[in-house]
Amino acid sequence: MATRVSSDLSLTLVASFLARLAEKAEARGLSDEDFRGDDLADKIVDLLADGRKTVNGHPVAVDYRQSLRAMIAAGRYDWANSDITEKHFSVKPGPAEIVIELVHFDHVMSSDGALSELDRKGLRPATLPELLAFGAKYKERQREFPIVALGSVWRSWSDDRLVPYLSSCAGGRDLGLGWLAGRWVERYRFAAVRK
């Protein structure tokens, strides 16, 4: 008998969910045609999976009146790569108020693959000033996982293309550079901003 009650309760929950889904779809101008087709379940599952890969947004204010040196100092890093300078990374003003999303992929990613996925999600990669504003406000996040900003690239004297990232080593907070042509292991998060 308990199985029957549980089954009825599940059907009630599903019916309630479908009713709410229909109301929200109608409010956004969707029609019955949008719900037809074999790939609807795949689309819903993809959206849910993509949502799990995105850590909630982090509002930050980027002060472009500051020098890059001051932006780095505001983060109070235990170590910063000495090549992260205004000579190597020009600071171009952008939006002062943004929300940084930390996008996580469950597998090793190339930079090109990550950029394609961010674009597909309607995101652009964060820049160095945006990453620094994030690091200054959310100091502990980089202790959980490294965070890379693919939106600022420096070509070094050896012709390597390098991008900034936040990480933690021996309990300290670091601001480093990683190879754009390299692979990013599963631990990395990609700082991104909605387009």
Protein backbone atom coordinates (compact mmCIF):
# COMPACT_ATOMS: atom_id res chain seq x y z
CA MET A 1 0.00 0.00 0.00
CA ALA A 2 2.89 2.38 0.77
CA THR A 3 4.10 2.01 -2.81
CA ARG A 4 0.70 3.12 -4.13
CA VAL A 5 0.66 6.25 -1.92
CA SER A 6 4.23 7.11 -2.92
CA SER A 7 3.36 6.64 -6.59
CA ASP A 8 0.27 8.87 -6.28
CA LEU A 9 2.30 11.52 -4.46
CA SER A 10 4.95 11.44 -7.23
CA LEU A 11 2.28 11.88 -9.90
CA THR A 12 0.84 14.84 -7.98
CA LEU A 13 4.29 16.46 -7.75
CA VAL A 14 4.92 15.91 -11.45
CA ALA A 15 1.51 17.36 -12.38
CA SER A 16 2.14 20.37 -10.14
CA PHE A 17 5.58 20.91 -11.68
CA LEU A 18 4.20 20.68 -15.23
CA ALA A 19 1.45 23.20 -14.40
CA ARG A 20 4.02 25.68 -13.04
CA LEU A 21 6.25 25.06 -16.06
CA ALA A 22 3.35 25.78 -18.43
CA GLU A 23 2.53 29.04 -16.59
CA LYS A 24 6.13 30.25 -16.70
CA ALA A 25 6.51 29.24 -20.35
CA GLU A 26 3.35 31.13 -21.32
CA ALA A 27 4.50 34.20 -19.36
CA ARG A 28 7.72 34.19 -21.42
CA GLY A 29 5.91 33.85 -24.72
CA LEU A 30 6.62 30.17 -25.43
CA SER A 31 4.08 28.11 -27.32
CA ASP A 32 3.13 24.43 -27.43
CA GLU A 33 5.51 24.06 -30.40
CA ASP A 34 8.44 24.86 -28.12
CA PHE A 35 7.59 21.75 -26.09
CA ARG A 36 7.35 19.32 -28.98
CA GLY A 37 10.13 17.09 -30.21
CA ASP A 38 12.28 14.28 -28.94
CA ASP A 39 15.11 16.54 -27.81
CA LEU A 40 13.11 18.48 -25.16
CA ALA A 41 14.23 16.14 -22.36
CA ASP A 42 17.83 16.47 -23.54
CA LYS A 43 17.55 20.28 -23.50
CA ILE A 44 16.16 20.29 -19.97
CA VAL A 45 18.86 17.94 -18.72
CA ASP A 46 21.57 20.01 -20.46
CA LEU A 47 20.28 23.20 -18.80
CA LEU A 48 20.25 21.55 -15.39
CA ALA A 49 23.75 20.12 -15.89
CA ASP A 50 25.08 23.49 -17.11
CA GLY A 51 23.54 25.16 -14.08
CA ARG A 52 25.38 22.78 -11.76
CA LYS A 53 28.67 23.68 -13.44
CA THR A 54 28.21 27.38 -12.72
CA VAL A 55 28.90 28.51 -9.18
CA ASN A 56 26.62 31.36 -8.10
CA GLY A 57 27.49 34.87 -9.22
CA HIS A 58 29.81 37.21 -7.35
CA PRO A 59 29.11 40.96 -7.71
CA VAL A 60 32.25 43.10 -7.88
CA ALA A 61 33.11 46.74 -8.52
CA VAL A 62 36.14 47.34 -10.73
CA ASP A 63 37.90 50.66 -10.08
CA TYR A 64 39.63 51.53 -13.36
CA ARG A 65 41.02 54.71 -11.81
CA GLN A 66 43.50 52.54 -9.94
CA SER A 67 46.79 51.48 -11.44
CA LEU A 68 47.33 47.76 -12.02
CA ARG A 69 49.85 47.83 -9.17
CA ALA A 70 47.17 49.25 -6.83
CA MET A 71 44.66 46.63 -8.01
CA ILE A 72 47.16 43.89 -7.15
CA ALA A 73 47.95 45.48 -3.77
CA ALA A 74 44.23 45.59 -2.92
CA GLY A 75 44.16 41.78 -3.16
CA ARG A 76 46.90 41.39 -0.53
CA TYR A 77 48.35 38.34 -2.24
CA ASP A 78 51.13 36.41 -0.55
CA TRP A 79 52.86 36.10 -3.91
CA ALA A 80 52.29 37.71 -7.33
CA ASN A 81 54.08 36.89 -10.56
CA SER A 82 56.46 39.76 -11.32
CA ASP A 83 55.45 39.70 -14.99
CA ILE A 84 51.93 40.91 -14.16
CA THR A 85 52.65 44.56 -14.90
CA GLU A 86 51.08 47.41 -16.83
CA LYS A 87 53.82 46.94 -19.43
CA HIS A 88 52.58 43.40 -20.13
CA PHE A 89 48.86 43.80 -19.40
CA SER A 90 47.24 47.02 -20.49
CA VAL A 91 44.20 48.05 -18.46
CA LYS A 92 41.32 49.07 -20.71
CA PRO A 93 38.30 50.55 -18.93
CA GLY A 94 35.19 48.40 -18.92
CA PRO A 95 32.00 48.10 -16.93
CA ALA A 96 32.57 49.13 -13.31
CA GLU A 97 29.83 46.94 -11.81
CA ILE A 98 29.82 43.30 -12.91
CA VAL A 99 28.89 39.85 -11.67
CA ILE A 100 31.60 37.23 -12.01
CA GLU A 101 30.47 33.67 -12.50
CA LEU A 102 32.87 30.84 -11.76
CA VAL A 103 32.31 28.21 -14.40
CA HIS A 104 33.43 24.67 -13.66
CA PHE A 105 33.87 21.86 -16.17
CA ASP A 106 33.99 18.27 -14.97
CA HIS A 107 36.92 17.40 -17.22
CA VAL A 108 40.25 18.72 -18.46
CA MET A 109 39.70 21.70 -20.79
CA SER A 110 41.82 23.49 -23.33
CA SER A 111 41.57 27.27 -23.33
CA ASP A 112 39.88 27.18 -26.74
CA GLY A 113 37.37 24.63 -25.47
CA ALA A 114 36.64 26.71 -22.38
CA LEU A 115 36.21 29.88 -24.48
CA SER A 116 33.78 28.07 -26.81
CA GLU A 117 31.75 26.77 -23.88
CA LEU A 118 31.64 30.18 -22.22
CA ASP A 119 30.44 31.75 -25.47
CA ARG A 120 27.78 29.06 -25.84
CA LYS A 121 26.52 29.95 -22.35
CA GLY A 122 26.33 33.67 -23.20
CA LEU A 123 29.44 34.49 -21.17
CA ARG A 124 32.74 36.21 -21.94
CA PRO A 125 36.01 35.51 -20.12
CA ALA A 126 36.90 37.87 -17.27
CA THR A 127 39.82 40.25 -17.72
CA LEU A 128 42.75 40.81 -15.36
CA PRO A 129 41.22 43.91 -13.66
CA GLU A 130 37.97 41.97 -13.15
CA LEU A 131 39.87 39.00 -11.69
CA LEU A 132 41.80 41.33 -9.38
CA ALA A 133 38.57 42.98 -8.18
CA PHE A 134 37.17 39.50 -7.53
CA GLY A 135 40.31 38.44 -5.65
CA ALA A 136 40.27 41.56 -3.49
CA LYS A 137 36.62 41.07 -2.49
CA TYR A 138 36.41 37.26 -2.26
CA LYS A 139 39.81 36.47 -0.79
CA GLU A 140 39.03 32.92 0.33
CA ARG A 141 37.56 31.56 -2.92
CA GLN A 142 40.98 30.88 -4.47
CA ARG A 143 41.82 28.64 -1.51
CA GLU A 144 39.01 26.32 -2.67
CA PHE A 145 40.15 26.06 -6.31
CA PRO A 146 42.28 27.99 -8.83
CA ILE A 147 40.43 30.66 -10.84
CA VAL A 148 41.62 31.68 -14.31
CA ALA A 149 40.78 34.79 -16.39
CA LEU A 150 41.12 33.99 -20.09
CA GLY A 151 40.17 37.56 -21.10
CA SER A 152 43.68 39.01 -20.66
CA VAL A 153 46.62 37.50 -22.51
CA TRP A 154 50.32 38.44 -22.49
CA ARG A 155 52.76 37.18 -25.10
CA SER A 156 56.08 36.67 -23.29
CA TRP A 157 59.61 37.17 -24.61
CA SER A 158 59.68 33.39 -25.35
CA ASP A 159 56.49 33.78 -27.43
CA ASP A 160 54.34 31.94 -24.85
CA ARG A 161 50.85 33.31 -24.38
CA LEU A 162 50.07 33.57 -20.67
CA VAL A 163 46.89 34.33 -18.72
CA PRO A 164 46.42 35.34 -15.06
CA TYR A 165 44.95 33.08 -12.43
CA LEU A 166 44.36 33.04 -8.68
CA SER A 167 45.43 30.02 -6.65
CA SER A 168 46.60 28.87 -3.26
CA CYS A 169 49.92 27.25 -2.39
CA ALA A 170 50.95 26.15 1.10
CA GLY A 171 48.00 28.09 2.49
CA GLY A 172 49.02 31.35 0.80
CA ARG A 173 47.07 33.26 -1.85
CA ASP A 174 48.88 33.58 -5.17
CA LEU A 175 48.43 35.55 -8.38
CA GLY A 176 50.12 33.61 -11.15
CA LEU A 177 50.35 33.13 -14.90
CA GLY A 178 49.41 30.00 -16.82
CA TRP A 179 49.96 28.90 -20.40
CA LEU A 180 47.03 29.69 -22.66
CA ALA A 181 48.03 26.76 -24.87
CA GLY A 182 48.03 24.39 -21.90
CA ARG A 183 45.30 22.25 -20.42
CA TRP A 184 43.25 23.22 -17.37
CA VAL A 185 42.56 20.31 -15.03
CA GLU A 186 39.17 19.71 -13.42
CA ARG A 187 40.00 21.79 -10.32
CA TYR A 188 40.08 25.09 -12.26
CA ARG A 189 37.18 27.52 -12.43
CA PHE A 190 36.87 30.04 -15.25
CA ALA A 191 35.96 33.58 -14.24
CA ALA A 192 33.34 34.86 -16.65
CA VAL A 193 30.87 37.70 -17.11
CA ARG A 194 27.49 37.72 -18.86
CA LYS A 195 27.62 39.35 -22.32
